[in-house]
N, C-alpha and C. Protein backbone atom coordinates (compact mmCIF):
# COMPACT_ATOMS: atom_id res chain seq x y z
N PHE A 1 14.14 -19.39 145.93
CA PHE A 1 12.99 -20.16 145.98
C PHE A 1 11.57 -19.16 145.93
N TRP A 2 10.57 -19.50 145.58
CA TRP A 2 9.27 -18.53 145.17
C TRP A 2 8.13 -19.69 145.50
N HIS A 3 7.57 -19.44 146.45
CA HIS A 3 6.49 -20.49 146.98
C HIS A 3 7.30 -22.02 147.13
N GLY A 4 8.47 -22.30 147.01
CA GLY A 4 9.06 -23.64 147.32
C GLY A 4 9.48 -23.77 145.72
N PHE A 5 9.45 -23.10 144.86
CA PHE A 5 9.84 -23.62 143.54
C PHE A 5 11.34 -23.30 143.79
N SER A 6 12.02 -24.16 143.10
CA SER A 6 13.54 -24.04 142.84
C SER A 6 13.79 -22.92 141.43
N VAL A 7 14.94 -22.33 141.02
CA VAL A 7 15.05 -21.81 139.93
C VAL A 7 14.52 -22.47 138.84
N ILE A 8 15.25 -23.81 138.85
CA ILE A 8 15.06 -24.64 137.49
C ILE A 8 13.62 -24.91 137.27
N LEU A 9 12.90 -25.20 138.49
CA LEU A 9 11.38 -25.54 138.27
C LEU A 9 10.60 -24.36 137.94
N ALA A 10 10.99 -23.23 138.39
CA ALA A 10 10.44 -21.99 138.24
C ALA A 10 10.67 -21.78 136.74
N PHE A 11 11.93 -22.12 135.99
CA PHE A 11 12.09 -21.86 134.92
C PHE A 11 11.41 -22.69 133.81
N TYR A 12 11.15 -23.79 134.14
CA TYR A 12 10.35 -24.86 133.55
C TYR A 12 9.24 -24.56 133.28
N TYR A 13 8.26 -23.78 134.41
CA TYR A 13 7.02 -23.38 134.27
C TYR A 13 6.94 -22.21 133.82
N HIS A 14 7.90 -21.34 133.75
CA HIS A 14 8.15 -20.23 132.80
C HIS A 14 7.87 -20.38 131.38
N VAL A 15 8.74 -21.44 131.00
CA VAL A 15 8.79 -21.65 129.77
C VAL A 15 7.71 -22.49 129.25
N GLN A 16 6.81 -23.29 129.99
CA GLN A 16 5.61 -23.87 129.67
C GLN A 16 4.49 -22.61 129.38
N ALA A 17 4.44 -21.67 130.25
CA ALA A 17 3.77 -20.61 129.88
C ALA A 17 3.88 -19.57 128.82
N GLY A 18 5.16 -19.55 128.35
CA GLY A 18 5.61 -18.72 127.30
C GLY A 18 5.56 -19.08 125.93
N LEU A 19 5.68 -20.62 125.85
CA LEU A 19 5.27 -21.27 124.86
C LEU A 19 3.94 -21.60 124.67
N SER A 20 3.02 -21.68 125.56
CA SER A 20 1.71 -22.08 125.57
C SER A 20 1.46 -23.44 125.62
N ILE A 21 2.19 -24.15 126.20
CA ILE A 21 2.16 -25.58 126.38
C ILE A 21 1.99 -26.05 127.89
N GLY A 22 1.00 -27.03 128.11
CA GLY A 22 0.87 -27.16 129.48
C GLY A 22 -0.34 -26.58 129.75
N PHE A 23 -0.39 -26.12 131.04
CA PHE A 23 -1.64 -25.60 131.83
C PHE A 23 -0.93 -24.68 132.87
N GLY A 24 -1.75 -23.74 132.73
CA GLY A 24 -1.19 -22.56 134.05
C GLY A 24 -1.14 -22.98 135.48
N PHE A 25 0.07 -23.05 135.80
CA PHE A 25 0.32 -23.57 137.16
C PHE A 25 1.41 -22.69 137.63
N PRO A 26 1.54 -21.96 138.74
CA PRO A 26 0.34 -22.09 139.73
C PRO A 26 -0.75 -21.10 139.70
N GLY A 27 -1.87 -21.39 139.83
CA GLY A 27 -3.22 -20.68 139.54
C GLY A 27 -3.04 -19.55 140.91
N ALA A 28 -4.10 -18.55 140.66
CA ALA A 28 -4.53 -17.59 141.98
C ALA A 28 -4.69 -18.46 143.15
N GLU A 29 -5.45 -19.79 143.06
CA GLU A 29 -5.51 -20.25 144.51
C GLU A 29 -4.29 -20.67 145.12
N GLU A 30 -3.28 -21.00 144.26
CA GLU A 30 -1.79 -21.41 144.68
C GLU A 30 -1.18 -20.36 145.19
N ILE A 31 -1.30 -19.12 144.57
CA ILE A 31 -0.48 -17.98 144.88
C ILE A 31 -1.11 -17.49 146.20
N CYS A 32 -2.45 -16.94 146.09
CA CYS A 32 -2.88 -16.25 146.88
C CYS A 32 -3.65 -16.70 148.30
N TYR A 33 -3.77 -17.90 148.24
CA TYR A 33 -4.26 -18.33 149.67
C TYR A 33 -3.49 -19.24 150.18
N LYS A 34 -2.24 -19.28 149.78
CA LYS A 34 -1.15 -20.11 150.61
C LYS A 34 -1.18 -19.28 151.78
N ASP A 35 -0.54 -20.61 152.86
CA ASP A 35 -0.28 -19.89 154.18
C ASP A 35 1.11 -18.91 154.15
N PRO A 36 0.97 -17.79 154.65
CA PRO A 36 2.20 -16.88 154.47
C PRO A 36 3.49 -17.74 155.07
N SER A 37 3.39 -18.66 156.18
CA SER A 37 4.85 -18.90 156.44
C SER A 37 5.33 -20.02 155.60
N GLN A 38 4.78 -20.42 154.61
CA GLN A 38 5.28 -20.93 153.53
C GLN A 38 5.89 -20.54 152.33
N ILE A 39 5.77 -19.00 152.29
CA ILE A 39 6.13 -18.17 151.27
C ILE A 39 7.54 -17.82 151.69
N ALA A 40 8.60 -18.17 150.99
CA ALA A 40 9.90 -18.14 151.25
C ALA A 40 10.51 -16.53 151.10
N SER A 41 9.82 -16.10 149.72
CA SER A 41 10.36 -14.77 149.61
C SER A 41 9.67 -13.61 150.05
N PRO A 42 10.33 -12.53 150.93
CA PRO A 42 9.58 -11.57 151.69
C PRO A 42 8.99 -10.78 150.41
N THR A 43 9.54 -10.53 149.31
CA THR A 43 8.70 -9.71 148.27
C THR A 43 7.22 -10.32 148.07
N VAL A 44 7.24 -11.70 147.56
CA VAL A 44 6.11 -12.26 147.13
C VAL A 44 5.07 -12.36 148.31
N ARG A 45 5.80 -12.39 149.68
CA ARG A 45 4.75 -12.49 150.79
C ARG A 45 4.14 -11.18 150.80
N HIS A 46 4.79 -10.11 150.85
CA HIS A 46 4.40 -8.43 150.42
C HIS A 46 3.08 -8.75 149.44
N TYR A 47 3.29 -9.10 148.23
CA TYR A 47 2.50 -8.91 147.07
C TYR A 47 1.04 -10.02 147.54
N VAL A 48 1.36 -10.85 148.39
CA VAL A 48 0.18 -11.74 148.84
C VAL A 48 -0.50 -11.24 150.04
N THR A 49 0.03 -10.98 151.06
CA THR A 49 -0.60 -10.70 152.42
C THR A 49 -0.72 -9.24 152.99
N ALA A 50 0.05 -8.22 152.34
CA ALA A 50 -0.12 -6.84 152.55
C ALA A 50 -1.23 -6.09 152.55
N PRO A 51 -1.54 -5.02 153.48
CA PRO A 51 -2.94 -4.66 153.39
C PRO A 51 -3.15 -4.17 151.91
N GLY A 52 -4.36 -4.48 151.27
CA GLY A 52 -4.56 -3.88 149.93
C GLY A 52 -4.13 -4.63 148.90
N MET A 53 -3.22 -5.71 149.25
CA MET A 53 -3.00 -6.53 148.14
C MET A 53 -3.93 -7.70 147.94
N GLN A 54 -4.76 -7.93 148.83
CA GLN A 54 -6.06 -9.01 148.53
C GLN A 54 -7.41 -8.57 148.11
N PHE A 55 -8.00 -8.95 146.98
CA PHE A 55 -8.95 -8.44 146.68
C PHE A 55 -10.11 -9.38 147.09
N PRO A 56 -11.37 -8.87 147.78
CA PRO A 56 -12.41 -9.11 147.91
C PRO A 56 -13.08 -10.41 147.10
N PRO A 57 -13.68 -11.72 147.77
CA PRO A 57 -13.76 -12.54 147.19
C PRO A 57 -14.86 -12.26 146.57
N PRO A 58 -15.33 -13.23 145.62
CA PRO A 58 -16.47 -13.00 144.52
C PRO A 58 -17.93 -13.29 145.22
N SER A 59 -17.84 -13.66 146.57
CA SER A 59 -18.90 -14.04 147.28
C SER A 59 -19.25 -12.43 147.93
N GLU A 60 -18.40 -11.65 148.16
CA GLU A 60 -18.48 -10.24 148.67
C GLU A 60 -18.56 -9.46 147.63
N GLY A 61 -18.96 -9.51 146.24
CA GLY A 61 -18.88 -8.83 145.31
C GLY A 61 -17.69 -8.48 144.70
N GLY A 62 -16.59 -9.11 145.28
CA GLY A 62 -15.21 -8.45 144.31
C GLY A 62 -14.72 -9.59 143.46
N ARG A 63 -13.46 -9.83 142.89
CA ARG A 63 -13.15 -10.42 141.86
C ARG A 63 -12.31 -11.45 142.49
N GLY A 64 -11.72 -11.58 143.77
CA GLY A 64 -10.90 -12.27 144.34
C GLY A 64 -9.53 -12.44 143.67
N GLY A 65 -8.65 -13.11 144.53
CA GLY A 65 -7.33 -13.00 144.31
C GLY A 65 -6.65 -11.99 145.04
N CYS A 66 -5.38 -11.87 144.45
CA CYS A 66 -4.22 -10.91 144.92
C CYS A 66 -3.47 -10.23 144.07
N GLN A 67 -2.75 -9.26 144.32
CA GLN A 67 -1.88 -8.42 143.49
C GLN A 67 -0.52 -9.47 142.92
N ALA A 68 -0.03 -10.50 143.66
CA ALA A 68 1.03 -11.29 143.22
C ALA A 68 0.06 -12.09 142.24
N ALA A 69 -0.95 -12.40 142.04
CA ALA A 69 -1.57 -13.43 140.92
C ALA A 69 -1.68 -12.65 139.69
N ASP A 70 -1.93 -11.33 139.92
CA ASP A 70 -2.00 -10.30 138.62
C ASP A 70 -0.53 -10.11 138.05
N ILE A 71 0.46 -10.14 138.83
CA ILE A 71 1.81 -9.89 138.16
C ILE A 71 2.15 -11.13 137.98
N SER A 72 1.60 -12.20 138.12
CA SER A 72 1.93 -13.61 137.62
C SER A 72 1.39 -13.65 136.44
N LYS A 73 0.15 -12.91 136.16
CA LYS A 73 -0.66 -13.22 134.84
C LYS A 73 0.14 -12.27 134.00
N ALA A 74 0.35 -11.07 134.14
CA ALA A 74 1.13 -10.20 133.28
C ALA A 74 2.39 -10.76 132.78
N VAL A 75 3.16 -11.59 133.61
CA VAL A 75 4.28 -12.18 133.47
C VAL A 75 4.20 -13.44 132.24
N THR A 76 3.15 -14.25 132.41
CA THR A 76 2.65 -15.38 131.49
C THR A 76 2.27 -14.67 130.28
N VAL A 77 1.70 -13.30 130.35
CA VAL A 77 1.11 -12.61 129.10
C VAL A 77 2.32 -12.24 128.02
N ILE A 78 3.19 -11.63 128.88
CA ILE A 78 4.46 -11.36 128.15
C ILE A 78 5.50 -12.63 127.68
N ASN A 79 5.53 -13.50 128.45
CA ASN A 79 5.72 -14.82 127.86
C ASN A 79 5.30 -15.48 126.63
N ILE A 80 4.01 -15.51 126.79
CA ILE A 80 3.22 -16.13 125.31
C ILE A 80 3.61 -15.20 124.25
N ILE A 81 3.55 -13.78 124.46
CA ILE A 81 3.81 -13.02 123.29
C ILE A 81 5.21 -13.08 122.95
N GLY A 82 6.26 -13.19 123.67
CA GLY A 82 7.56 -13.43 123.38
C GLY A 82 7.96 -14.68 122.57
N GLY A 83 7.34 -15.80 123.29
CA GLY A 83 7.27 -17.01 122.69
C GLY A 83 6.76 -17.11 121.44
N SER A 84 5.75 -16.79 121.38
CA SER A 84 4.83 -16.80 120.13
C SER A 84 5.62 -16.24 118.85
N THR A 85 6.16 -14.96 119.29
CA THR A 85 7.05 -14.22 118.33
C THR A 85 8.43 -14.74 117.79
N ILE A 86 8.97 -15.55 118.70
CA ILE A 86 10.10 -16.22 118.41
C ILE A 86 9.64 -17.65 117.65
N ILE A 87 8.88 -18.30 117.69
CA ILE A 87 8.09 -19.21 116.90
C ILE A 87 7.74 -18.95 115.85
N ALA A 88 7.13 -17.74 115.61
CA ALA A 88 6.70 -17.29 114.16
C ALA A 88 7.86 -16.86 113.36
N PHE A 89 8.92 -16.11 113.97
CA PHE A 89 9.99 -15.83 113.20
C PHE A 89 10.75 -17.06 112.76
N CYS A 90 10.94 -18.08 113.59
CA CYS A 90 11.69 -19.31 113.33
C CYS A 90 11.01 -19.87 112.18
N ILE A 91 9.52 -19.92 112.04
CA ILE A 91 8.71 -20.33 110.94
C ILE A 91 9.13 -19.73 109.62
N GLY A 92 9.01 -18.44 109.89
CA GLY A 92 9.40 -17.22 108.75
C GLY A 92 10.58 -17.62 107.89
N VAL A 93 11.64 -17.75 108.77
CA VAL A 93 12.91 -18.14 108.55
C VAL A 93 13.19 -19.24 107.60
N LEU A 94 12.33 -20.38 108.12
CA LEU A 94 12.38 -21.89 107.54
C LEU A 94 11.50 -21.67 106.34
N VAL A 95 10.30 -20.94 106.06
CA VAL A 95 9.54 -20.99 104.94
C VAL A 95 10.22 -20.06 104.07
N ASP A 96 11.26 -19.18 104.32
CA ASP A 96 11.93 -18.21 103.25
C ASP A 96 12.96 -18.95 102.90
N SER A 97 13.69 -19.85 103.46
CA SER A 97 14.92 -20.61 103.10
C SER A 97 14.34 -21.75 102.28
N ILE A 98 13.16 -22.33 102.41
CA ILE A 98 12.44 -23.28 101.49
C ILE A 98 12.04 -22.71 100.12
N THR A 99 11.17 -21.77 100.39
CA THR A 99 10.83 -21.12 98.85
C THR A 99 11.86 -20.18 97.94
N SER A 100 12.91 -19.77 98.64
CA SER A 100 13.89 -19.10 97.92
C SER A 100 14.81 -19.92 97.15
N PRO A 101 14.89 -19.43 95.85
CA PRO A 101 15.94 -20.35 95.24
C PRO A 101 17.32 -20.04 95.62
N ALA A 102 18.36 -21.03 95.56
CA ALA A 102 19.63 -20.74 96.08
C ALA A 102 20.43 -19.99 94.87
């Protein structure tokens, strides 16, 4: 479990982000400002609550968020690139099969 998400639910959101369908959830607010006692994974808890992992909020001249949210964003970018590559490949194969003579 990660932030209370089961593997199946986490995979669902992973696919949604990778194929650019739906909206980005969980966001930085749900990741970085969650009560640490509700974070099941010690690794995720480290990237949210350990010293130096929280960034200063915008009210203090910082950008806000935490290291865990940055990791989440990086994984989402990788998913989007991978998902769009697969979709482009499938469209290319389809167009090639339609336009090539038998």
